[in-house]
Amino acid sequence: MVVLKKIRASTLMETLVATVLIIVIFIVSSMILNNLFLNITNSNTRKMASHLSELEYLYINDKLLLPYTDDVDNWTITVYKIKSENQQKVILTAVNSVTKKSIEVINYKE
């Protein structure tokens, strides 16, 4: 005859406590990851920097009429000309209306 051994099992209370701890850890880690991804997407300015480079190229090749303003997604783009002393500066700025982040490019045309 087979002798059955008693296997020590956990109580219902221990199981509930372990489940609650696992759920709390999962919720906290998902909130941290969500915040991290949100910050990464808000601080990404590559698309706008590329658009400003395209506008700068158009200006250098005399295809862009100044002053220039445009709204792309949440960004407001302005391009204007300043004459100082013997130099002519063209300033390209892009300001995000949501995050208030700004990008500025200065071009000195000869």
C-alpha atoms as a PDB file:
ATOM      1  CA  MET A   1       0.000   0.000   0.000  1.00  0.00           C
ATOM      2  CA  VAL A   2       1.190   3.502  -0.838  1.00  0.00           C
ATOM      3  CA  VAL A   3       1.849   5.741   2.087  1.00  0.00           C
ATOM      4  CA  LEU A   4       0.503   9.223   1.441  1.00  0.00           C
ATOM      5  CA  LYS A   5       2.551  12.072   2.809  1.00  0.00           C
ATOM      6  CA  LYS A   6       0.965  15.207   3.998  1.00  0.00           C
ATOM      7  CA  ILE A   7       1.980  18.166   1.862  1.00  0.00           C
ATOM      8  CA  ARG A   8       2.050  21.414   3.724  1.00  0.00           C
ATOM      9  CA  ALA A   9      -0.195  23.855   1.859  1.00  0.00           C
ATOM     10  CA  SER A  10      -0.578  27.557   2.265  1.00  0.00           C
ATOM     11  CA  THR A  11      -3.618  29.013   3.861  1.00  0.00           C
ATOM     12  CA  LEU A  12      -6.167  31.129   2.074  1.00  0.00           C
ATOM     13  CA  MET A  13      -4.908  34.256   3.829  1.00  0.00           C
ATOM     14  CA  GLU A  14      -1.313  33.703   2.689  1.00  0.00           C
ATOM     15  CA  THR A  15      -2.496  33.203  -0.881  1.00  0.00           C
ATOM     16  CA  LEU A  16      -4.540  36.409  -0.806  1.00  0.00           C
ATOM     17  CA  VAL A  17      -1.637  38.419   0.616  1.00  0.00           C
ATOM     18  CA  ALA A  18       0.722  37.084  -2.063  1.00  0.00           C
ATOM     19  CA  THR A  19      -1.821  37.895  -4.783  1.00  0.00           C
ATOM     20  CA  VAL A  20      -2.318  41.440  -3.499  1.00  0.00           C
ATOM     21  CA  LEU A  21       1.457  42.009  -3.379  1.00  0.00           C
ATOM     22  CA  ILE A  22       1.873  40.798  -6.954  1.00  0.00           C
ATOM     23  CA  ILE A  23      -0.960  43.055  -8.148  1.00  0.00           C
ATOM     24  CA  VAL A  24       0.451  46.103  -6.325  1.00  0.00           C
ATOM     25  CA  ILE A  25       3.908  45.511  -7.835  1.00  0.00           C
ATOM     26  CA  PHE A  26       2.347  45.137 -11.302  1.00  0.00           C
ATOM     27  CA  ILE A  27       0.334  48.368 -10.946  1.00  0.00           C
ATOM     28  CA  VAL A  28       3.312  50.402  -9.721  1.00  0.00           C
ATOM     29  CA  SER A  29       5.588  49.093 -12.476  1.00  0.00           C
ATOM     30  CA  SER A  30       2.973  49.761 -15.170  1.00  0.00           C
ATOM     31  CA  MET A  31       2.537  53.346 -13.912  1.00  0.00           C
ATOM     32  CA  ILE A  32       6.297  53.890 -14.008  1.00  0.00           C
ATOM     33  CA  LEU A  33       6.548  52.514 -17.555  1.00  0.00           C
ATOM     34  CA  ASN A  34       3.577  54.600 -18.696  1.00  0.00           C
ATOM     35  CA  ASN A  35       5.168  57.773 -17.309  1.00  0.00           C
ATOM     36  CA  LEU A  36       8.497  56.889 -18.915  1.00  0.00           C
ATOM     37  CA  PHE A  37       6.976  56.335 -22.361  1.00  0.00           C
ATOM     38  CA  LEU A  38       4.905  59.513 -22.075  1.00  0.00           C
ATOM     39  CA  ASN A  39       8.016  61.571 -21.279  1.00  0.00           C
ATOM     40  CA  ILE A  40       9.892  60.014 -24.180  1.00  0.00           C
ATOM     41  CA  THR A  41       7.151  60.825 -26.674  1.00  0.00           C
ATOM     42  CA  ASN A  42       6.740  64.392 -25.363  1.00  0.00           C
ATOM     43  CA  SER A  43      10.447  65.154 -25.564  1.00  0.00           C
ATOM     44  CA  ASN A  44      10.889  63.744 -29.071  1.00  0.00           C
ATOM     45  CA  THR A  45      11.648  66.677 -31.380  1.00  0.00           C
ATOM     46  CA  ARG A  46      13.283  64.843 -34.288  1.00  0.00           C
ATOM     47  CA  LYS A  47      10.328  65.264 -36.634  1.00  0.00           C
ATOM     48  CA  MET A  48      10.200  69.014 -36.048  1.00  0.00           C
ATOM     49  CA  ALA A  49      13.987  69.404 -36.334  1.00  0.00           C
ATOM     50  CA  SER A  50      13.798  67.624 -39.679  1.00  0.00           C
ATOM     51  CA  HIS A  51      11.001  69.955 -40.807  1.00  0.00           C
ATOM     52  CA  LEU A  52      13.065  73.002 -39.775  1.00  0.00           C
ATOM     53  CA  SER A  53      16.010  71.639 -41.758  1.00  0.00           C
ATOM     54  CA  GLU A  54      13.739  71.305 -44.770  1.00  0.00           C
ATOM     55  CA  LEU A  55      12.572  74.917 -44.361  1.00  0.00           C
ATOM     56  CA  GLU A  56      16.180  76.062 -44.015  1.00  0.00           C
ATOM     57  CA  TYR A  57      17.036  74.248 -47.242  1.00  0.00           C
ATOM     58  CA  LEU A  58      14.102  75.918 -48.999  1.00  0.00           C
ATOM     59  CA  TYR A  59      15.246  79.331 -47.744  1.00  0.00           C
ATOM     60  CA  ILE A  60      18.840  78.809 -48.863  1.00  0.00           C
ATOM     61  CA  ASN A  61      17.588  77.927 -52.350  1.00  0.00           C
ATOM     62  CA  ASP A  62      15.212  80.942 -52.439  1.00  0.00           C
ATOM     63  CA  LYS A  63      12.040  78.826 -52.443  1.00  0.00           C
ATOM     64  CA  LEU A  64      10.638  80.174 -49.159  1.00  0.00           C
ATOM     65  CA  LEU A  65       8.986  83.569 -48.876  1.00  0.00           C
ATOM     66  CA  LEU A  66       9.633  85.380 -45.595  1.00  0.00           C
ATOM     67  CA  PRO A  67       8.086  85.952 -43.095  1.00  0.00           C
ATOM     68  CA  TYR A  68       6.702  82.422 -42.898  1.00  0.00           C
ATOM     69  CA  THR A  69       4.354  80.914 -40.303  1.00  0.00           C
ATOM     70  CA  ASP A  70       2.804  77.474 -40.122  1.00  0.00           C
ATOM     71  CA  ASP A  71       1.081  75.139 -37.665  1.00  0.00           C
ATOM     72  CA  VAL A  72       2.094  71.478 -37.758  1.00  0.00           C
ATOM     73  CA  ASP A  73       0.503  69.135 -35.203  1.00  0.00           C
ATOM     74  CA  ASN A  74       0.976  71.025 -31.913  1.00  0.00           C
ATOM     75  CA  TRP A  75       3.928  73.073 -33.202  1.00  0.00           C
ATOM     76  CA  THR A  76       3.878  76.698 -34.342  1.00  0.00           C
ATOM     77  CA  ILE A  77       6.656  77.456 -36.819  1.00  0.00           C
ATOM     78  CA  THR A  78       7.867  80.963 -37.593  1.00  0.00           C
ATOM     79  CA  VAL A  79      10.642  82.013 -39.934  1.00  0.00           C
ATOM     80  CA  TYR A  80      11.722  85.636 -40.045  1.00  0.00           C
ATOM     81  CA  LYS A  81      14.654  87.752 -41.154  1.00  0.00           C
ATOM     82  CA  ILE A  82      16.770  90.102 -39.018  1.00  0.00           C
ATOM     83  CA  LYS A  83      19.409  92.469 -40.330  1.00  0.00           C
ATOM     84  CA  SER A  84      22.117  93.296 -37.837  1.00  0.00           C
ATOM     85  CA  GLU A  85      25.151  95.375 -38.713  1.00  0.00           C
ATOM     86  CA  ASN A  86      26.479  93.831 -41.917  1.00  0.00           C
ATOM     87  CA  GLN A  87      24.936  90.376 -41.499  1.00  0.00           C
ATOM     88  CA  GLN A  88      21.551  89.040 -42.389  1.00  0.00           C
ATOM     89  CA  LYS A  89      20.150  86.419 -40.018  1.00  0.00           C
ATOM     90  CA  VAL A  90      17.214  84.155 -40.644  1.00  0.00           C
ATOM     91  CA  ILE A  91      15.725  82.685 -37.490  1.00  0.00           C
ATOM     92  CA  LEU A  92      13.636  79.540 -37.671  1.00  0.00           C
ATOM     93  CA  THR A  93      11.701  78.742 -34.491  1.00  0.00           C
ATOM     94  CA  ALA A  94       9.252  76.024 -33.596  1.00  0.00           C
ATOM     95  CA  VAL A  95       7.274  76.150 -30.329  1.00  0.00           C
ATOM     96  CA  ASN A  96       5.118  73.311 -29.053  1.00  0.00           C
ATOM     97  CA  SER A  97       1.820  74.668 -27.735  1.00  0.00           C
ATOM     98  CA  VAL A  98       1.327  71.750 -25.323  1.00  0.00           C
ATOM     99  CA  THR A  99       4.762  71.217 -23.774  1.00  0.00           C
ATOM    100  CA  LYS A 100       6.123  74.767 -24.400  1.00  0.00           C
ATOM    101  CA  LYS A 101       9.302  73.212 -25.796  1.00  0.00           C
ATOM    102  CA  SER A 102      11.037  75.303 -28.443  1.00  0.00           C
ATOM    103  CA  ILE A 103      13.612  74.710 -31.163  1.00  0.00           C
ATOM    104  CA  GLU A 104      15.561  77.546 -32.756  1.00  0.00           C
ATOM    105  CA  VAL A 105      17.822  77.508 -35.806  1.00  0.00           C
ATOM    106  CA  ILE A 106      19.787  80.573 -36.954  1.00  0.00           C
ATOM    107  CA  ASN A 107      21.018  80.806 -40.533  1.00  0.00           C
ATOM    108  CA  TYR A 108      23.476  83.434 -41.760  1.00  0.00           C
ATOM    109  CA  LYS A 109      22.911  83.961 -45.478  1.00  0.00           C
ATOM    110  CA  GLU A 110      25.676  85.668 -47.379  1.00  0.00           C
END
